[in-house]
Amino acid sequence: MLVSNQPFGPALTELAREVEDVYVTARGLKVATLAEVLDGVSAGALRAAVSGEAPPSPALIEECARFLRVRPEYFREYREALPRAA
């Protein structure tokens, strides 16, 4: 399975550049533009998660993953939030 070990912001930016580069410029991720096409994700919540101001919620990660056609486990924070098998 394809995974990233980078923090959410850099991982999302790199993935968006590979999959849908219309959402990335030389300066970085176009947060507001990407948020417009994500279901239930505000630009503010996405901006906070990408900048590291707030941890991304599982729902935000799942929606980003759905849109960019990867499993949510691609993102390190999602894997870290999964309950550990006993």
PDB file of N, CA and C in Angstrom:
ATOM      1  N   MET A   1       0.846  -1.182   0.000  1.00  0.00           N
ATOM      2  CA  MET A   1       0.000   0.000   0.000  1.00  0.00           C
ATOM      3  C   MET A   1       0.892   1.246   0.000  1.00  0.00           C
ATOM      4  N   LEU A   2       0.532   2.195  -0.823  1.00  0.00           N
ATOM      5  CA  LEU A   2       1.252   3.454  -0.916  1.00  0.00           C
ATOM      6  C   LEU A   2       0.976   4.284   0.331  1.00  0.00           C
ATOM      7  N   VAL A   3       2.031   4.738   1.016  1.00  0.00           N
ATOM      8  CA  VAL A   3       1.876   5.572   2.208  1.00  0.00           C
ATOM      9  C   VAL A   3       2.905   6.694   2.190  1.00  0.00           C
ATOM     10  N   SER A   4       2.601   7.737   2.958  1.00  0.00           N
ATOM     11  CA  SER A   4       3.538   8.832   3.135  1.00  0.00           C
ATOM     12  C   SER A   4       3.896   8.907   4.612  1.00  0.00           C
ATOM     13  N   ASN A   5       5.138   9.232   4.893  1.00  0.00           N
ATOM     14  CA  ASN A   5       5.573   9.439   6.271  1.00  0.00           C
ATOM     15  C   ASN A   5       5.756  10.915   6.584  1.00  0.00           C
ATOM     16  N   GLN A   6       5.391  11.768   5.640  1.00  0.00           N
ATOM     17  CA  GLN A   6       5.478  13.210   5.839  1.00  0.00           C
ATOM     18  C   GLN A   6       4.290  13.689   6.671  1.00  0.00           C
ATOM     19  N   PRO A   7       4.409  14.861   7.301  1.00  0.00           N
ATOM     20  CA  PRO A   7       3.241  15.466   7.955  1.00  0.00           C
ATOM     21  C   PRO A   7       2.131  15.697   6.928  1.00  0.00           C
ATOM     22  N   PHE A   8       0.907  15.867   7.424  1.00  0.00           N
ATOM     23  CA  PHE A   8      -0.271  15.969   6.563  1.00  0.00           C
ATOM     24  C   PHE A   8      -0.122  17.027   5.469  1.00  0.00           C
ATOM     25  N   GLY A   9       0.284  18.237   5.815  1.00  0.00           N
ATOM     26  CA  GLY A   9       0.359  19.320   4.830  1.00  0.00           C
ATOM     27  C   GLY A   9       1.266  18.996   3.649  1.00  0.00           C
ATOM     28  N   PRO A  10       2.531  18.658   3.903  1.00  0.00           N
ATOM     29  CA  PRO A  10       3.413  18.306   2.783  1.00  0.00           C
ATOM     30  C   PRO A  10       2.939  17.064   2.022  1.00  0.00           C
ATOM     31  N   ALA A  11       2.400  16.078   2.740  1.00  0.00           N
ATOM     32  CA  ALA A  11       1.925  14.861   2.071  1.00  0.00           C
ATOM     33  C   ALA A  11       0.755  15.180   1.144  1.00  0.00           C
ATOM     34  N   LEU A  12      -0.189  16.001   1.623  1.00  0.00           N
ATOM     35  CA  LEU A  12      -1.343  16.375   0.808  1.00  0.00           C
ATOM     36  C   LEU A  12      -0.904  17.197  -0.406  1.00  0.00           C
ATOM     37  N   THR A  13      -0.001  18.128  -0.189  1.00  0.00           N
ATOM     38  CA  THR A  13       0.472  18.972  -1.285  1.00  0.00           C
ATOM     39  C   THR A  13       1.153  18.132  -2.365  1.00  0.00           C
ATOM     40  N   GLU A  14       2.017  17.217  -1.947  1.00  0.00           N
ATOM     41  CA  GLU A  14       2.712  16.361  -2.910  1.00  0.00           C
ATOM     42  C   GLU A  14       1.730  15.481  -3.676  1.00  0.00           C
ATOM     43  N   LEU A  15       0.784  14.900  -2.968  1.00  0.00           N
ATOM     44  CA  LEU A  15      -0.203  14.044  -3.610  1.00  0.00           C
ATOM     45  C   LEU A  15      -1.078  14.846  -4.567  1.00  0.00           C
ATOM     46  N   ALA A  16      -1.522  16.017  -4.155  1.00  0.00           N
ATOM     47  CA  ALA A  16      -2.348  16.860  -5.028  1.00  0.00           C
ATOM     48  C   ALA A  16      -1.567  17.247  -6.280  1.00  0.00           C
ATOM     49  N   ARG A  17      -0.295  17.518  -6.132  1.00  0.00           N
ATOM     50  CA  ARG A  17       0.540  17.871  -7.290  1.00  0.00           C
ATOM     51  C   ARG A  17       0.604  16.707  -8.275  1.00  0.00           C
ATOM     52  N   GLU A  18       0.695  15.485  -7.779  1.00  0.00           N
ATOM     53  CA  GLU A  18       0.785  14.308  -8.636  1.00  0.00           C
ATOM     54  C   GLU A  18      -0.546  13.966  -9.294  1.00  0.00           C
ATOM     55  N   VAL A  19      -1.643  14.131  -8.553  1.00  0.00           N
ATOM     56  CA  VAL A  19      -2.946  13.662  -9.015  1.00  0.00           C
ATOM     57  C   VAL A  19      -3.738  14.752  -9.730  1.00  0.00           C
ATOM     58  N   GLU A  20      -3.825  15.918  -9.126  1.00  0.00           N
ATOM     59  CA  GLU A  20      -4.637  17.033  -9.655  1.00  0.00           C
ATOM     60  C   GLU A  20      -3.839  18.316  -9.513  1.00  0.00           C
ATOM     61  N   ASP A  21      -2.832  18.524 -10.336  1.00  0.00           N
ATOM     62  CA  ASP A  21      -1.920  19.645 -10.123  1.00  0.00           C
ATOM     63  C   ASP A  21      -2.555  21.017 -10.260  1.00  0.00           C
ATOM     64  N   VAL A  22      -3.817  21.091 -10.631  1.00  0.00           N
ATOM     65  CA  VAL A  22      -4.504  22.375 -10.702  1.00  0.00           C
ATOM     66  C   VAL A  22      -4.664  22.988  -9.302  1.00  0.00           C
ATOM     67  N   TYR A  23      -4.489  22.165  -8.261  1.00  0.00           N
ATOM     68  CA  TYR A  23      -4.664  22.638  -6.891  1.00  0.00           C
ATOM     69  C   TYR A  23      -3.351  23.048  -6.228  1.00  0.00           C
ATOM     70  N   VAL A  24      -2.258  23.064  -6.997  1.00  0.00           N
ATOM     71  CA  VAL A  24      -0.951  23.394  -6.436  1.00  0.00           C
ATOM     72  C   VAL A  24      -0.263  24.402  -7.345  1.00  0.00           C
ATOM     73  N   THR A  25       0.352  25.403  -6.718  1.00  0.00           N
ATOM     74  CA  THR A  25       1.164  26.369  -7.450  1.00  0.00           C
ATOM     75  C   THR A  25       2.596  26.256  -6.944  1.00  0.00           C
ATOM     76  N   ALA A  26       3.476  27.060  -7.487  1.00  0.00           N
ATOM     77  CA  ALA A  26       4.859  27.066  -7.020  1.00  0.00           C
ATOM     78  C   ALA A  26       4.933  27.476  -5.547  1.00  0.00           C
ATOM     79  N   ARG A  27       3.950  28.233  -5.086  1.00  0.00           N
ATOM     80  CA  ARG A  27       3.934  28.690  -3.690  1.00  0.00           C
ATOM     81  C   ARG A  27       3.320  27.668  -2.755  1.00  0.00           C
ATOM     82  N   GLY A  28       2.665  26.647  -3.286  1.00  0.00           N
ATOM     83  CA  GLY A  28       2.078  25.629  -2.424  1.00  0.00           C
ATOM     84  C   GLY A  28       0.654  25.287  -2.801  1.00  0.00           C
ATOM     85  N   LEU A  29      -0.017  24.638  -1.874  1.00  0.00           N
ATOM     86  CA  LEU A  29      -1.374  24.154  -2.084  1.00  0.00           C
ATOM     87  C   LEU A  29      -2.368  25.316  -2.131  1.00  0.00           C
ATOM     88  N   LYS A  30      -3.293  25.279  -3.077  1.00  0.00           N
ATOM     89  CA  LYS A  30      -4.381  26.257  -3.154  1.00  0.00           C
ATOM     90  C   LYS A  30      -5.502  25.745  -2.242  1.00  0.00           C
ATOM     91  N   VAL A  31      -5.408  26.065  -0.962  1.00  0.00           N
ATOM     92  CA  VAL A  31      -6.291  25.499   0.051  1.00  0.00           C
ATOM     93  C   VAL A  31      -7.753  25.820  -0.232  1.00  0.00           C
ATOM     94  N   ALA A  32      -8.073  27.072  -0.481  1.00  0.00           N
ATOM     95  CA  ALA A  32      -9.474  27.452  -0.698  1.00  0.00           C
ATOM     96  C   ALA A  32     -10.048  26.765  -1.931  1.00  0.00           C
ATOM     97  N   THR A  33      -9.262  26.657  -2.980  1.00  0.00           N
ATOM     98  CA  THR A  33      -9.718  26.015  -4.209  1.00  0.00           C
ATOM     99  C   THR A  33      -9.969  24.531  -3.985  1.00  0.00           C
ATOM    100  N   LEU A  34      -9.056  23.870  -3.276  1.00  0.00           N
ATOM    101  CA  LEU A  34      -9.236  22.454  -2.986  1.00  0.00           C
ATOM    102  C   LEU A  34     -10.436  22.235  -2.062  1.00  0.00           C
ATOM    103  N   ALA A  35     -10.587  23.076  -1.060  1.00  0.00           N
ATOM    104  CA  ALA A  35     -11.702  22.921  -0.114  1.00  0.00           C
ATOM    105  C   ALA A  35     -13.052  23.014  -0.828  1.00  0.00           C
ATOM    106  N   GLU A  36     -13.130  23.791  -1.889  1.00  0.00           N
ATOM    107  CA  GLU A  36     -14.393  23.934  -2.640  1.00  0.00           C
ATOM    108  C   GLU A  36     -14.878  22.617  -3.223  1.00  0.00           C
ATOM    109  N   VAL A  37     -13.983  21.712  -3.535  1.00  0.00           N
ATOM    110  CA  VAL A  37     -14.380  20.447  -4.160  1.00  0.00           C
ATOM    111  C   VAL A  37     -14.448  19.288  -3.166  1.00  0.00           C
ATOM    112  N   LEU A  38     -14.132  19.560  -1.906  1.00  0.00           N
ATOM    113  CA  LEU A  38     -14.208  18.526  -0.875  1.00  0.00           C
ATOM    114  C   LEU A  38     -15.541  18.631  -0.153  1.00  0.00           C
ATOM    115  N   ASP A  39     -16.204  17.508   0.053  1.00  0.00           N
ATOM    116  CA  ASP A  39     -17.496  17.499   0.743  1.00  0.00           C
ATOM    117  C   ASP A  39     -17.296  17.673   2.238  1.00  0.00           C
ATOM    118  N   GLY A  40     -17.960  18.689   2.801  1.00  0.00           N
ATOM    119  CA  GLY A  40     -17.961  18.881   4.246  1.00  0.00           C
ATOM    120  C   GLY A  40     -16.662  19.390   4.835  1.00  0.00           C
ATOM    121  N   VAL A  41     -15.786  19.957   4.013  1.00  0.00           N
ATOM    122  CA  VAL A  41     -14.502  20.472   4.497  1.00  0.00           C
ATOM    123  C   VAL A  41     -14.443  21.969   4.223  1.00  0.00           C
ATOM    124  N   SER A  42     -14.268  22.754   5.287  1.00  0.00           N
ATOM    125  CA  SER A  42     -14.161  24.201   5.108  1.00  0.00           C
ATOM    126  C   SER A  42     -12.722  24.578   4.783  1.00  0.00           C
ATOM    127  N   ALA A  43     -12.576  25.720   4.146  1.00  0.00           N
ATOM    128  CA  ALA A  43     -11.234  26.201   3.825  1.00  0.00           C
ATOM    129  C   ALA A  43     -10.441  26.438   5.103  1.00  0.00           C
ATOM    130  N   GLY A  44     -11.093  26.933   6.149  1.00  0.00           N
ATOM    131  CA  GLY A  44     -10.408  27.189   7.414  1.00  0.00           C
ATOM    132  C   GLY A  44      -9.881  25.922   8.057  1.00  0.00           C
ATOM    133  N   ALA A  45     -10.701  24.877   8.073  1.00  0.00           N
ATOM    134  CA  ALA A  45     -10.273  23.598   8.661  1.00  0.00           C
ATOM    135  C   ALA A  45      -9.133  22.996   7.851  1.00  0.00           C
ATOM    136  N   LEU A  46      -9.230  23.061   6.531  1.00  0.00           N
ATOM    137  CA  LEU A  46      -8.179  22.516   5.682  1.00  0.00           C
ATOM    138  C   LEU A  46      -6.894  23.322   5.856  1.00  0.00           C
ATOM    139  N   ARG A  47      -7.006  24.641   5.902  1.00  0.00           N
ATOM    140  CA  ARG A  47      -5.829  25.500   6.065  1.00  0.00           C
ATOM    141  C   ARG A  47      -5.127  25.193   7.392  1.00  0.00           C
ATOM    142  N   ALA A  48      -5.894  25.034   8.472  1.00  0.00           N
ATOM    143  CA  ALA A  48      -5.305  24.742   9.782  1.00  0.00           C
ATOM    144  C   ALA A  48      -4.589  23.392   9.773  1.00  0.00           C
ATOM    145  N   ALA A  49      -5.181  22.402   9.116  1.00  0.00           N
ATOM    146  CA  ALA A  49      -4.566  21.074   9.054  1.00  0.00           C
ATOM    147  C   ALA A  49      -3.309  21.088   8.189  1.00  0.00           C
ATOM    148  N   VAL A  50      -3.364  21.782   7.069  1.00  0.00           N
ATOM    149  CA  VAL A  50      -2.215  21.839   6.154  1.00  0.00           C
ATOM    150  C   VAL A  50      -1.051  22.596   6.790  1.00  0.00           C
ATOM    151  N   SER A  51      -1.354  23.660   7.526  1.00  0.00           N
ATOM    152  CA  SER A  51      -0.287  24.464   8.141  1.00  0.00           C
ATOM    153  C   SER A  51       0.242  23.860   9.428  1.00  0.00           C
ATOM    154  N   GLY A  52      -0.467  22.868   9.969  1.00  0.00           N
ATOM    155  CA  GLY A  52      -0.035  22.258  11.216  1.00  0.00           C
ATOM    156  C   GLY A  52      -0.578  22.947  12.449  1.00  0.00           C
ATOM    157  N   GLU A  53      -1.447  23.950  12.254  1.00  0.00           N
ATOM    158  CA  GLU A  53      -2.048  24.652  13.396  1.00  0.00           C
ATOM    159  C   GLU A  53      -2.986  23.746  14.181  1.00  0.00           C
ATOM    160  N   ALA A  54      -3.607  22.807  13.494  1.00  0.00           N
ATOM    161  CA  ALA A  54      -4.534  21.861  14.126  1.00  0.00           C
ATOM    162  C   ALA A  54      -4.348  20.507  13.460  1.00  0.00           C
ATOM    163  N   PRO A  55      -4.516  19.441  14.217  1.00  0.00           N
ATOM    164  CA  PRO A  55      -4.393  18.121  13.589  1.00  0.00           C
ATOM    165  C   PRO A  55      -5.574  17.869  12.651  1.00  0.00           C
ATOM    166  N   PRO A  56      -5.334  17.197  11.542  1.00  0.00           N
ATOM    167  CA  PRO A  56      -6.450  16.890  10.634  1.00  0.00           C
ATOM    168  C   PRO A  56      -7.362  15.850  11.277  1.00  0.00           C
ATOM    169  N   SER A  57      -8.661  16.053  11.157  1.00  0.00           N
ATOM    170  CA  SER A  57      -9.607  15.072  11.692  1.00  0.00           C
ATOM    171  C   SER A  57      -9.631  13.855  10.778  1.00  0.00           C
ATOM    172  N   PRO A  58     -10.039  12.714  11.313  1.00  0.00           N
ATOM    173  CA  PRO A  58     -10.175  11.541  10.439  1.00  0.00           C
ATOM    174  C   PRO A  58     -11.114  11.806   9.263  1.00  0.00           C
ATOM    175  N   ALA A  59     -12.201  12.543   9.495  1.00  0.00           N
ATOM    176  CA  ALA A  59     -13.150  12.834   8.414  1.00  0.00           C
ATOM    177  C   ALA A  59     -12.496  13.690   7.330  1.00  0.00           C
ATOM    178  N   LEU A  60     -11.691  14.658   7.717  1.00  0.00           N
ATOM    179  CA  LEU A  60     -11.005  15.513   6.744  1.00  0.00           C
ATOM    180  C   LEU A  60     -10.022  14.672   5.926  1.00  0.00           C
ATOM    181  N   ILE A  61      -9.265  13.821   6.605  1.00  0.00           N
ATOM    182  CA  ILE A  61      -8.315  12.958   5.891  1.00  0.00           C
ATOM    183  C   ILE A  61      -9.057  12.026   4.937  1.00  0.00           C
ATOM    184  N   GLU A  62     -10.160  11.454   5.392  1.00  0.00           N
ATOM    185  CA  GLU A  62     -10.927  10.529   4.542  1.00  0.00           C
ATOM    186  C   GLU A  62     -11.453  11.229   3.297  1.00  0.00           C
ATOM    187  N   GLU A  63     -11.911  12.467   3.439  1.00  0.00           N
ATOM    188  CA  GLU A  63     -12.446  13.191   2.283  1.00  0.00           C
ATOM    189  C   GLU A  63     -11.320  13.567   1.312  1.00  0.00           C
ATOM    190  N   CYS A  64     -10.183  13.999   1.835  1.00  0.00           N
ATOM    191  CA  CYS A  64      -9.038  14.303   0.963  1.00  0.00           C
ATOM    192  C   CYS A  64      -8.596  13.045   0.220  1.00  0.00           C
ATOM    193  N   ALA A  65      -8.540  11.935   0.930  1.00  0.00           N
ATOM    194  CA  ALA A  65      -8.137  10.666   0.320  1.00  0.00           C
ATOM    195  C   ALA A  65      -9.130  10.243  -0.761  1.00  0.00           C
ATOM    196  N   ARG A  66     -10.420  10.384  -0.469  1.00  0.00           N
ATOM    197  CA  ARG A  66     -11.443  10.016  -1.455  1.00  0.00           C
ATOM    198  C   ARG A  66     -11.257  10.832  -2.733  1.00  0.00           C
ATOM    199  N   PHE A  67     -11.105  12.137  -2.579  1.00  0.00           N
ATOM    200  CA  PHE A  67     -10.987  13.010  -3.733  1.00  0.00           C
ATOM    201  C   PHE A  67      -9.716  12.712  -4.537  1.00  0.00           C
ATOM    202  N   LEU A  68      -8.630  12.422  -3.842  1.00  0.00           N
ATOM    203  CA  LEU A  68      -7.350  12.186  -4.525  1.00  0.00           C
ATOM    204  C   LEU A  68      -7.102  10.718  -4.836  1.00  0.00           C
ATOM    205  N   ARG A  69      -8.109   9.887  -4.578  1.00  0.00           N
ATOM    206  CA  ARG A  69      -8.113   8.471  -4.968  1.00  0.00           C
ATOM    207  C   ARG A  69      -6.976   7.650  -4.351  1.00  0.00           C
ATOM    208  N   VAL A  70      -6.812   7.835  -3.042  1.00  0.00           N
ATOM    209  CA  VAL A  70      -5.894   6.986  -2.274  1.00  0.00           C
ATOM    210  C   VAL A  70      -6.639   6.530  -1.024  1.00  0.00           C
ATOM    211  N   ARG A  71      -6.085   5.546  -0.345  1.00  0.00           N
ATOM    212  CA  ARG A  71      -6.666   5.104   0.925  1.00  0.00           C
ATOM    213  C   ARG A  71      -6.305   6.129   1.999  1.00  0.00           C
ATOM    214  N   PRO A  72      -7.185   6.344   2.984  1.00  0.00           N
ATOM    215  CA  PRO A  72      -6.868   7.306   4.051  1.00  0.00           C
ATOM    216  C   PRO A  72      -5.565   6.973   4.777  1.00  0.00           C
ATOM    217  N   GLU A  73      -5.218   5.693   4.813  1.00  0.00           N
ATOM    218  CA  GLU A  73      -3.988   5.264   5.468  1.00  0.00           C
ATOM    219  C   GLU A  73      -2.727   5.811   4.795  1.00  0.00           C
ATOM    220  N   TYR A  74      -2.891   6.397   3.617  1.00  0.00           N
ATOM    221  CA  TYR A  74      -1.766   7.061   2.955  1.00  0.00           C
ATOM    222  C   TYR A  74      -1.158   8.107   3.887  1.00  0.00           C
ATOM    223  N   PHE A  75      -2.023   8.767   4.651  1.00  0.00           N
ATOM    224  CA  PHE A  75      -1.589   9.857   5.526  1.00  0.00           C
ATOM    225  C   PHE A  75      -1.146   9.322   6.887  1.00  0.00           C
ATOM    226  N   ARG A  76       0.022   9.739   7.311  1.00  0.00           N
ATOM    227  CA  ARG A  76       0.613   9.293   8.578  1.00  0.00           C
ATOM    228  C   ARG A  76      -0.327   9.511   9.757  1.00  0.00           C
ATOM    229  N   GLU A  77      -0.955  10.667   9.822  1.00  0.00           N
ATOM    230  CA  GLU A  77      -1.828  10.987  10.958  1.00  0.00           C
ATOM    231  C   GLU A  77      -3.007  10.033  11.057  1.00  0.00           C
ATOM    232  N   TYR A  78      -3.502   9.561   9.932  1.00  0.00           N
ATOM    233  CA  TYR A  78      -4.619   8.610   9.945  1.00  0.00           C
ATOM    234  C   TYR A  78      -4.150   7.272  10.488  1.00  0.00           C
ATOM    235  N   ARG A  79      -2.985   6.838  10.046  1.00  0.00           N
ATOM    236  CA  ARG A  79      -2.449   5.570  10.544  1.00  0.00           C
ATOM    237  C   ARG A  79      -2.184   5.646  12.042  1.00  0.00           C
ATOM    238  N   GLU A  80      -1.669   6.778  12.497  1.00  0.00           N
ATOM    239  CA  GLU A  80      -1.378   6.945  13.919  1.00  0.00           C
ATOM    240  C   GLU A  80      -2.639   6.973  14.763  1.00  0.00           C
ATOM    241  N   ALA A  81      -3.761   7.404  14.184  1.00  0.00           N
ATOM    242  CA  ALA A  81      -5.010   7.483  14.924  1.00  0.00           C
ATOM    243  C   ALA A  81      -5.767   6.157  14.972  1.00  0.00           C
ATOM    244  N   LEU A  82      -5.370   5.219  14.120  1.00  0.00           N
ATOM    245  CA  LEU A  82      -6.061   3.928  14.112  1.00  0.00           C
ATOM    246  C   LEU A  82      -5.822   3.201  15.418  1.00  0.00           C
ATOM    247  N   PRO A  83      -6.859   2.537  15.942  1.00  0.00           N
ATOM    248  CA  PRO A  83      -6.654   1.763  17.164  1.00  0.00           C
ATOM    249  C   PRO A  83      -5.652   0.640  16.919  1.00  0.00           C
ATOM    250  N   ARG A  84      -4.826   0.422  17.892  1.00  0.00           N
ATOM    251  CA  ARG A  84      -3.820  -0.627  17.771  1.00  0.00           C
ATOM    252  C   ARG A  84      -4.469  -1.994  17.995  1.00  0.00           C
ATOM    253  N   ALA A  85      -4.069  -2.961  17.197  1.00  0.00           N
ATOM    254  CA  ALA A  85      -4.584  -4.326  17.350  1.00  0.00           C
ATOM    255  C   ALA A  85      -3.997  -4.910  18.644  1.00  0.00           C
ATOM    256  N   ALA A  86      -4.845  -5.604  19.389  1.00  0.00           N
ATOM    257  CA  ALA A  86      -4.402  -6.162  20.675  1.00  0.00           C
ATOM    258  C   ALA A  86      -3.636  -7.447  20.460  1.00  0.00           C
TER     259      ALA A  86
END
